[in-house]
């Protein structure tokens, strides 16, 4: 039986854009391995409240999952942000 993971996040194009821009502006927090910390994803979630149009408020876990999907296959932070922009 599937585990209840809570409400699903719906992402507008603006929210995805803001996610990428926020991480681009905070890319130095990713460290040498290119991985952001949970506290960075939580900060992005707080930032995205301004752009929420529908669905539940984003959590750090939702933001991390979206970033992982955007980055597939997982290149380092700076490479991903430059390719997306």
PDB file of N, CA and C in Angstrom:
ATOM      1  N   UNK A   1       0.843  -1.181   0.000  1.00  0.00           N
ATOM      2  CA  UNK A   1       0.000   0.000   0.000  1.00  0.00           C
ATOM      3  C   UNK A   1       0.888   1.244   0.000  1.00  0.00           C
ATOM      4  N   UNK A   2       0.619   2.224  -0.885  1.00  0.00           N
ATOM      5  CA  UNK A   2       1.448   3.423  -0.948  1.00  0.00           C
ATOM      6  C   UNK A   2       1.327   4.255   0.326  1.00  0.00           C
ATOM      7  N   UNK A   3       2.431   4.838   0.703  1.00  0.00           N
ATOM      8  CA  UNK A   3       2.475   5.705   1.877  1.00  0.00           C
ATOM      9  C   UNK A   3       1.871   7.057   1.524  1.00  0.00           C
ATOM     10  N   UNK A   4       1.069   7.630   2.423  1.00  0.00           N
ATOM     11  CA  UNK A   4       0.499   8.953   2.213  1.00  0.00           C
ATOM     12  C   UNK A   4       1.599   9.987   2.373  1.00  0.00           C
ATOM     13  N   UNK A   5       1.907  10.684   1.302  1.00  0.00           N
ATOM     14  CA  UNK A   5       2.989  11.663   1.336  1.00  0.00           C
ATOM     15  C   UNK A   5       2.480  13.082   1.512  1.00  0.00           C
ATOM     16  N   UNK A   6       1.201  13.265   1.747  1.00  0.00           N
ATOM     17  CA  UNK A   6       0.648  14.602   1.928  1.00  0.00           C
ATOM     18  C   UNK A   6       0.230  15.214   0.612  1.00  0.00           C
ATOM     19  N   UNK A   7      -0.137  16.502   0.657  1.00  0.00           N
ATOM     20  CA  UNK A   7      -0.613  17.166  -0.560  1.00  0.00           C
ATOM     21  C   UNK A   7       0.504  17.294  -1.589  1.00  0.00           C
ATOM     22  N   UNK A   8       0.112  17.188  -2.854  1.00  0.00           N
ATOM     23  CA  UNK A   8       1.078  17.324  -3.940  1.00  0.00           C
ATOM     24  C   UNK A   8       1.269  18.801  -4.265  1.00  0.00           C
ATOM     25  N   UNK A   9       2.496  19.135  -4.566  1.00  0.00           N
ATOM     26  CA  UNK A   9       2.805  20.516  -4.945  1.00  0.00           C
ATOM     27  C   UNK A   9       2.494  20.726  -6.418  1.00  0.00           C
ATOM     28  N   UNK A  10       1.867  21.833  -6.714  1.00  0.00           N
ATOM     29  CA  UNK A  10       1.715  22.242  -8.105  1.00  0.00           C
ATOM     30  C   UNK A  10       2.657  23.428  -8.298  1.00  0.00           C
ATOM     31  N   UNK A  11       3.359  23.423  -9.400  1.00  0.00           N
ATOM     32  CA  UNK A  11       4.389  24.431  -9.636  1.00  0.00           C
ATOM     33  C   UNK A  11       4.026  25.288 -10.840  1.00  0.00           C
ATOM     34  N   UNK A  12       3.960  26.597 -10.635  1.00  0.00           N
ATOM     35  CA  UNK A  12       3.781  27.515 -11.761  1.00  0.00           C
ATOM     36  C   UNK A  12       5.157  27.770 -12.384  1.00  0.00           C
ATOM     37  N   UNK A  13       5.148  28.256 -13.601  1.00  0.00           N
ATOM     38  CA  UNK A  13       6.412  28.591 -14.258  1.00  0.00           C
ATOM     39  C   UNK A  13       7.175  29.642 -13.456  1.00  0.00           C
ATOM     40  N   UNK A  14       6.451  30.588 -12.878  1.00  0.00           N
ATOM     41  CA  UNK A  14       7.078  31.647 -12.078  1.00  0.00           C
ATOM     42  C   UNK A  14       7.747  31.058 -10.840  1.00  0.00           C
ATOM     43  N   UNK A  15       7.120  30.097 -10.187  1.00  0.00           N
ATOM     44  CA  UNK A  15       7.720  29.472  -9.010  1.00  0.00           C
ATOM     45  C   UNK A  15       9.002  28.727  -9.375  1.00  0.00           C
ATOM     46  N   UNK A  16       8.991  28.022 -10.494  1.00  0.00           N
ATOM     47  CA  UNK A  16      10.192  27.313 -10.933  1.00  0.00           C
ATOM     48  C   UNK A  16      11.288  28.326 -11.264  1.00  0.00           C
ATOM     49  N   UNK A  17      10.921  29.389 -11.937  1.00  0.00           N
ATOM     50  CA  UNK A  17      11.885  30.441 -12.263  1.00  0.00           C
ATOM     51  C   UNK A  17      12.502  31.020 -10.986  1.00  0.00           C
ATOM     52  N   UNK A  18      11.661  31.313  -9.998  1.00  0.00           N
ATOM     53  CA  UNK A  18      12.152  31.872  -8.735  1.00  0.00           C
ATOM     54  C   UNK A  18      13.022  30.879  -7.974  1.00  0.00           C
ATOM     55  N   UNK A  19      12.673  29.602  -8.042  1.00  0.00           N
ATOM     56  CA  UNK A  19      13.494  28.561  -7.422  1.00  0.00           C
ATOM     57  C   UNK A  19      14.898  28.583  -8.021  1.00  0.00           C
ATOM     58  N   UNK A  20      14.982  28.584  -9.341  1.00  0.00           N
ATOM     59  CA  UNK A  20      16.278  28.572 -10.025  1.00  0.00           C
ATOM     60  C   UNK A  20      17.052  29.860  -9.734  1.00  0.00           C
ATOM     61  N   UNK A  21      16.381  30.990  -9.802  1.00  0.00           N
ATOM     62  CA  UNK A  21      17.060  32.262  -9.542  1.00  0.00           C
ATOM     63  C   UNK A  21      17.565  32.343  -8.104  1.00  0.00           C
ATOM     64  N   UNK A  22      16.759  31.878  -7.158  1.00  0.00           N
ATOM     65  CA  UNK A  22      17.178  31.904  -5.756  1.00  0.00           C
ATOM     66  C   UNK A  22      18.432  31.052  -5.570  1.00  0.00           C
ATOM     67  N   UNK A  23      18.416  29.853  -6.102  1.00  0.00           N
ATOM     68  CA  UNK A  23      19.576  28.976  -5.949  1.00  0.00           C
ATOM     69  C   UNK A  23      20.786  29.524  -6.708  1.00  0.00           C
ATOM     70  N   UNK A  24      20.540  30.159  -7.835  1.00  0.00           N
ATOM     71  CA  UNK A  24      21.633  30.804  -8.567  1.00  0.00           C
ATOM     72  C   UNK A  24      22.283  31.884  -7.699  1.00  0.00           C
ATOM     73  N   UNK A  25      21.455  32.688  -7.066  1.00  0.00           N
ATOM     74  CA  UNK A  25      21.957  33.773  -6.219  1.00  0.00           C
ATOM     75  C   UNK A  25      22.616  33.260  -4.940  1.00  0.00           C
ATOM     76  N   UNK A  26      22.338  32.018  -4.566  1.00  0.00           N
ATOM     77  CA  UNK A  26      22.896  31.432  -3.344  1.00  0.00           C
ATOM     78  C   UNK A  26      23.746  30.195  -3.651  1.00  0.00           C
ATOM     79  N   UNK A  27      24.264  30.141  -4.862  1.00  0.00           N
ATOM     80  CA  UNK A  27      25.022  28.974  -5.317  1.00  0.00           C
ATOM     81  C   UNK A  27      26.239  28.697  -4.435  1.00  0.00           C
ATOM     82  N   UNK A  28      26.800  29.723  -3.823  1.00  0.00           N
ATOM     83  CA  UNK A  28      27.969  29.526  -2.962  1.00  0.00           C
ATOM     84  C   UNK A  28      27.641  28.672  -1.743  1.00  0.00           C
ATOM     85  N   UNK A  29      26.372  28.584  -1.371  1.00  0.00           N
ATOM     86  CA  UNK A  29      25.986  27.759  -0.216  1.00  0.00           C
ATOM     87  C   UNK A  29      25.984  26.277  -0.561  1.00  0.00           C
ATOM     88  N   UNK A  30      26.147  25.954  -1.846  1.00  0.00           N
ATOM     89  CA  UNK A  30      26.130  24.553  -2.269  1.00  0.00           C
ATOM     90  C   UNK A  30      27.436  23.843  -1.945  1.00  0.00           C
ATOM     91  N   UNK A  31      28.498  24.579  -1.748  1.00  0.00           N
ATOM     92  CA  UNK A  31      29.777  23.946  -1.450  1.00  0.00           C
ATOM     93  C   UNK A  31      30.413  23.355  -2.692  1.00  0.00           C
ATOM     94  N   UNK A  32      31.520  22.689  -2.499  1.00  0.00           N
ATOM     95  CA  UNK A  32      32.286  22.138  -3.623  1.00  0.00           C
ATOM     96  C   UNK A  32      31.568  21.014  -4.354  1.00  0.00           C
ATOM     97  N   UNK A  33      30.714  20.272  -3.638  1.00  0.00           N
ATOM     98  CA  UNK A  33      30.019  19.150  -4.254  1.00  0.00           C
ATOM     99  C   UNK A  33      28.795  19.552  -5.053  1.00  0.00           C
ATOM    100  N   UNK A  34      28.383  20.821  -4.965  1.00  0.00           N
ATOM    101  CA  UNK A  34      27.226  21.295  -5.703  1.00  0.00           C
ATOM    102  C   UNK A  34      25.895  20.918  -5.095  1.00  0.00           C
ATOM    103  N   UNK A  35      25.899  20.458  -3.832  1.00  0.00           N
ATOM    104  CA  UNK A  35      24.655  20.055  -3.169  1.00  0.00           C
ATOM    105  C   UNK A  35      24.222  21.123  -2.162  1.00  0.00           C
ATOM    106  N   UNK A  36      22.978  21.537  -2.277  1.00  0.00           N
ATOM    107  CA  UNK A  36      22.437  22.506  -1.332  1.00  0.00           C
ATOM    108  C   UNK A  36      22.016  21.801  -0.046  1.00  0.00           C
ATOM    109  N   UNK A  37      22.012  22.548   1.052  1.00  0.00           N
ATOM    110  CA  UNK A  37      21.611  22.003   2.343  1.00  0.00           C
ATOM    111  C   UNK A  37      20.097  22.104   2.509  1.00  0.00           C
ATOM    112  N   UNK A  38      19.577  21.354   3.458  1.00  0.00           N
ATOM    113  CA  UNK A  38      18.145  21.430   3.747  1.00  0.00           C
ATOM    114  C   UNK A  38      17.742  22.838   4.172  1.00  0.00           C
ATOM    115  N   UNK A  39      18.610  23.529   4.884  1.00  0.00           N
ATOM    116  CA  UNK A  39      18.265  24.891   5.309  1.00  0.00           C
ATOM    117  C   UNK A  39      18.133  25.832   4.106  1.00  0.00           C
ATOM    118  N   UNK A  40      18.921  25.594   3.062  1.00  0.00           N
ATOM    119  CA  UNK A  40      18.783  26.401   1.842  1.00  0.00           C
ATOM    120  C   UNK A  40      17.455  26.112   1.162  1.00  0.00           C
ATOM    121  N   UNK A  41      17.069  24.834   1.077  1.00  0.00           N
ATOM    122  CA  UNK A  41      15.777  24.492   0.470  1.00  0.00           C
ATOM    123  C   UNK A  41      14.620  25.061   1.295  1.00  0.00           C
ATOM    124  N   UNK A  42      14.753  25.079   2.614  1.00  0.00           N
ATOM    125  CA  UNK A  42      13.720  25.685   3.464  1.00  0.00           C
ATOM    126  C   UNK A  42      13.621  27.191   3.215  1.00  0.00           C
ATOM    127  N   UNK A  43      14.760  27.843   3.008  1.00  0.00           N
ATOM    128  CA  UNK A  43      14.761  29.278   2.713  1.00  0.00           C
ATOM    129  C   UNK A  43      14.094  29.556   1.360  1.00  0.00           C
ATOM    130  N   UNK A  44      14.332  28.692   0.392  1.00  0.00           N
ATOM    131  CA  UNK A  44      13.662  28.839  -0.913  1.00  0.00           C
ATOM    132  C   UNK A  44      12.149  28.717  -0.725  1.00  0.00           C
ATOM    133  N   UNK A  45      11.717  27.746   0.066  1.00  0.00           N
ATOM    134  CA  UNK A  45      10.281  27.549   0.314  1.00  0.00           C
ATOM    135  C   UNK A  45       9.659  28.812   0.902  1.00  0.00           C
ATOM    136  N   UNK A  46      10.348  29.449   1.834  1.00  0.00           N
ATOM    137  CA  UNK A  46       9.845  30.705   2.415  1.00  0.00           C
ATOM    138  C   UNK A  46       9.783  31.797   1.350  1.00  0.00           C
ATOM    139  N   UNK A  47      10.782  31.862   0.494  1.00  0.00           N
ATOM    140  CA  UNK A  47      10.818  32.854  -0.582  1.00  0.00           C
ATOM    141  C   UNK A  47       9.654  32.657  -1.554  1.00  0.00           C
ATOM    142  N   UNK A  48       9.305  31.419  -1.825  1.00  0.00           N
ATOM    143  CA  UNK A  48       8.266  31.117  -2.820  1.00  0.00           C
ATOM    144  C   UNK A  48       6.853  31.473  -2.364  1.00  0.00           C
ATOM    145  N   UNK A  49       6.654  31.731  -1.085  1.00  0.00           N
ATOM    146  CA  UNK A  49       5.326  32.103  -0.580  1.00  0.00           C
ATOM    147  C   UNK A  49       4.784  33.302  -1.352  1.00  0.00           C
ATOM    148  N   UNK A  50       5.665  34.217  -1.725  1.00  0.00           N
ATOM    149  CA  UNK A  50       5.256  35.418  -2.461  1.00  0.00           C
ATOM    150  C   UNK A  50       4.667  35.113  -3.833  1.00  0.00           C
ATOM    151  N   UNK A  51       4.976  33.948  -4.384  1.00  0.00           N
ATOM    152  CA  UNK A  51       4.592  33.600  -5.753  1.00  0.00           C
ATOM    153  C   UNK A  51       3.555  32.484  -5.830  1.00  0.00           C
ATOM    154  N   UNK A  52       3.062  32.031  -4.685  1.00  0.00           N
ATOM    155  CA  UNK A  52       2.099  30.930  -4.636  1.00  0.00           C
ATOM    156  C   UNK A  52       0.754  31.357  -5.216  1.00  0.00           C
ATOM    157  N   UNK A  53       0.291  30.623  -6.206  1.00  0.00           N
ATOM    158  CA  UNK A  53      -1.003  30.901  -6.836  1.00  0.00           C
ATOM    159  C   UNK A  53      -2.041  29.842  -6.493  1.00  0.00           C
ATOM    160  N   UNK A  54      -1.592  28.578  -6.349  1.00  0.00           N
ATOM    161  CA  UNK A  54      -2.533  27.509  -6.021  1.00  0.00           C
ATOM    162  C   UNK A  54      -1.772  26.371  -5.357  1.00  0.00           C
ATOM    163  N   UNK A  55      -2.515  25.487  -4.735  1.00  0.00           N
ATOM    164  CA  UNK A  55      -1.905  24.333  -4.081  1.00  0.00           C
ATOM    165  C   UNK A  55      -1.350  24.689  -2.716  1.00  0.00           C
ATOM    166  N   UNK A  56      -0.762  23.705  -2.067  1.00  0.00           N
ATOM    167  CA  UNK A  56      -0.228  23.937  -0.726  1.00  0.00           C
ATOM    168  C   UNK A  56       1.053  24.773  -0.784  1.00  0.00           C
ATOM    169  N   UNK A  57       1.350  25.425   0.347  1.00  0.00           N
ATOM    170  CA  UNK A  57       2.616  26.143   0.448  1.00  0.00           C
ATOM    171  C   UNK A  57       3.751  25.137   0.296  1.00  0.00           C
ATOM    172  N   UNK A  58       4.783  25.528  -0.421  1.00  0.00           N
ATOM    173  CA  UNK A  58       5.903  24.625  -0.649  1.00  0.00           C
ATOM    174  C   UNK A  58       6.699  24.425   0.637  1.00  0.00           C
ATOM    175  N   UNK A  59       7.205  23.227   0.820  1.00  0.00           N
ATOM    176  CA  UNK A  59       8.093  22.911   1.934  1.00  0.00           C
ATOM    177  C   UNK A  59       9.506  22.737   1.382  1.00  0.00           C
ATOM    178  N   UNK A  60      10.463  22.700   2.271  1.00  0.00           N
ATOM    179  CA  UNK A  60      11.834  22.455   1.844  1.00  0.00           C
ATOM    180  C   UNK A  60      11.963  21.131   1.112  1.00  0.00           C
ATOM    181  N   UNK A  61      11.218  20.142   1.575  1.00  0.00           N
ATOM    182  CA  UNK A  61      11.245  18.819   0.942  1.00  0.00           C
ATOM    183  C   UNK A  61      10.691  18.891  -0.492  1.00  0.00           C
ATOM    184  N   UNK A  62       9.608  19.637  -0.689  1.00  0.00           N
ATOM    185  CA  UNK A  62       9.039  19.808  -2.025  1.00  0.00           C
ATOM    186  C   UNK A  62      10.013  20.542  -2.946  1.00  0.00           C
ATOM    187  N   UNK A  63      10.664  21.574  -2.396  1.00  0.00           N
ATOM    188  CA  UNK A  63      11.622  22.353  -3.179  1.00  0.00           C
ATOM    189  C   UNK A  63      12.803  21.476  -3.597  1.00  0.00           C
ATOM    190  N   UNK A  64      13.298  20.677  -2.667  1.00  0.00           N
ATOM    191  CA  UNK A  64      14.419  19.791  -2.969  1.00  0.00           C
ATOM    192  C   UNK A  64      14.042  18.795  -4.065  1.00  0.00           C
ATOM    193  N   UNK A  65      12.832  18.240  -3.984  1.00  0.00           N
ATOM    194  CA  UNK A  65      12.368  17.293  -4.994  1.00  0.00           C
ATOM    195  C   UNK A  65      12.255  17.967  -6.363  1.00  0.00           C
ATOM    196  N   UNK A  66      11.747  19.190  -6.387  1.00  0.00           N
ATOM    197  CA  UNK A  66      11.620  19.912  -7.656  1.00  0.00           C
ATOM    198  C   UNK A  66      13.000  20.229  -8.227  1.00  0.00           C
ATOM    199  N   UNK A  67      13.918  20.667  -7.383  1.00  0.00           N
ATOM    200  CA  UNK A  67      15.277  20.969  -7.836  1.00  0.00           C
ATOM    201  C   UNK A  67      15.925  19.724  -8.415  1.00  0.00           C
ATOM    202  N   UNK A  68      15.724  18.589  -7.760  1.00  0.00           N
ATOM    203  CA  UNK A  68      16.282  17.335  -8.259  1.00  0.00           C
ATOM    204  C   UNK A  68      15.708  17.008  -9.630  1.00  0.00           C
ATOM    205  N   UNK A  69      14.403  17.237  -9.807  1.00  0.00           N
ATOM    206  CA  UNK A  69      13.771  16.983 -11.103  1.00  0.00           C
ATOM    207  C   UNK A  69      14.293  17.933 -12.172  1.00  0.00           C
ATOM    208  N   UNK A  70      14.492  19.189 -11.808  1.00  0.00           N
ATOM    209  CA  UNK A  70      15.000  20.178 -12.756  1.00  0.00           C
ATOM    210  C   UNK A  70      16.436  19.850 -13.155  1.00  0.00           C
ATOM    211  N   UNK A  71      17.203  19.291 -12.230  1.00  0.00           N
ATOM    212  CA  UNK A  71      18.630  19.021 -12.451  1.00  0.00           C
ATOM    213  C   UNK A  71      18.922  17.671 -13.082  1.00  0.00           C
ATOM    214  N   UNK A  72      17.944  16.862 -13.340  1.00  0.00           N
ATOM    215  CA  UNK A  72      18.198  15.515 -13.844  1.00  0.00           C
ATOM    216  C   UNK A  72      18.731  15.582 -15.274  1.00  0.00           C
ATOM    217  N   UNK A  73      19.836  14.949 -15.598  1.00  0.00           N
ATOM    218  CA  UNK A  73      20.757  14.281 -14.680  1.00  0.00           C
ATOM    219  C   UNK A  73      21.514  15.315 -13.868  1.00  0.00           C
ATOM    220  N   UNK A  74      21.888  14.983 -12.663  1.00  0.00           N
ATOM    221  CA  UNK A  74      22.374  15.921 -11.645  1.00  0.00           C
ATOM    222  C   UNK A  74      23.754  16.521 -11.913  1.00  0.00           C
ATOM    223  N   UNK A  75      23.819  17.616 -12.672  1.00  0.00           N
ATOM    224  CA  UNK A  75      25.095  18.305 -12.816  1.00  0.00           C
ATOM    225  C   UNK A  75      25.345  19.206 -11.601  1.00  0.00           C
ATOM    226  N   UNK A  76      26.561  19.725 -11.444  1.00  0.00           N
ATOM    227  CA  UNK A  76      26.826  20.650 -10.337  1.00  0.00           C
ATOM    228  C   UNK A  76      25.948  21.887 -10.428  1.00  0.00           C
ATOM    229  N   UNK A  77      25.764  22.538  -9.326  1.00  0.00           N
ATOM    230  CA  UNK A  77      24.879  23.698  -9.180  1.00  0.00           C
ATOM    231  C   UNK A  77      25.100  24.764 -10.260  1.00  0.00           C
ATOM    232  N   UNK A  78      26.299  25.271 -10.374  1.00  0.00           N
ATOM    233  CA  UNK A  78      26.564  26.385 -11.288  1.00  0.00           C
ATOM    234  C   UNK A  78      26.259  25.996 -12.727  1.00  0.00           C
ATOM    235  N   UNK A  79      26.609  24.808 -13.129  1.00  0.00           N
ATOM    236  CA  UNK A  79      26.351  24.340 -14.493  1.00  0.00           C
ATOM    237  C   UNK A  79      24.861  24.304 -14.768  1.00  0.00           C
ATOM    238  N   UNK A  80      24.095  23.761 -13.821  1.00  0.00           N
ATOM    239  CA  UNK A  80      22.649  23.655 -13.988  1.00  0.00           C
ATOM    240  C   UNK A  80      22.007  25.023 -14.118  1.00  0.00           C
ATOM    241  N   UNK A  81      22.365  25.945 -13.232  1.00  0.00           N
ATOM    242  CA  UNK A  81      21.754  27.273 -13.241  1.00  0.00           C
ATOM    243  C   UNK A  81      22.072  27.994 -14.534  1.00  0.00           C
ATOM    244  N   UNK A  82      23.298  27.908 -14.998  1.00  0.00           N
ATOM    245  CA  UNK A  82      23.668  28.580 -16.242  1.00  0.00           C
ATOM    246  C   UNK A  82      22.904  27.982 -17.428  1.00  0.00           C
ATOM    247  N   UNK A  83      22.743  26.674 -17.470  1.00  0.00           N
ATOM    248  CA  UNK A  83      22.016  26.035 -18.568  1.00  0.00           C
ATOM    249  C   UNK A  83      20.551  26.444 -18.565  1.00  0.00           C
ATOM    250  N   UNK A  84      19.955  26.565 -17.380  1.00  0.00           N
ATOM    251  CA  UNK A  84      18.536  26.897 -17.274  1.00  0.00           C
ATOM    252  C   UNK A  84      18.308  28.357 -17.635  1.00  0.00           C
ATOM    253  N   UNK A  85      19.196  29.247 -17.186  1.00  0.00           N
ATOM    254  CA  UNK A  85      19.033  30.660 -17.472  1.00  0.00           C
ATOM    255  C   UNK A  85      19.345  30.917 -18.926  1.00  0.00           C
TER     256      UNK A  85
END
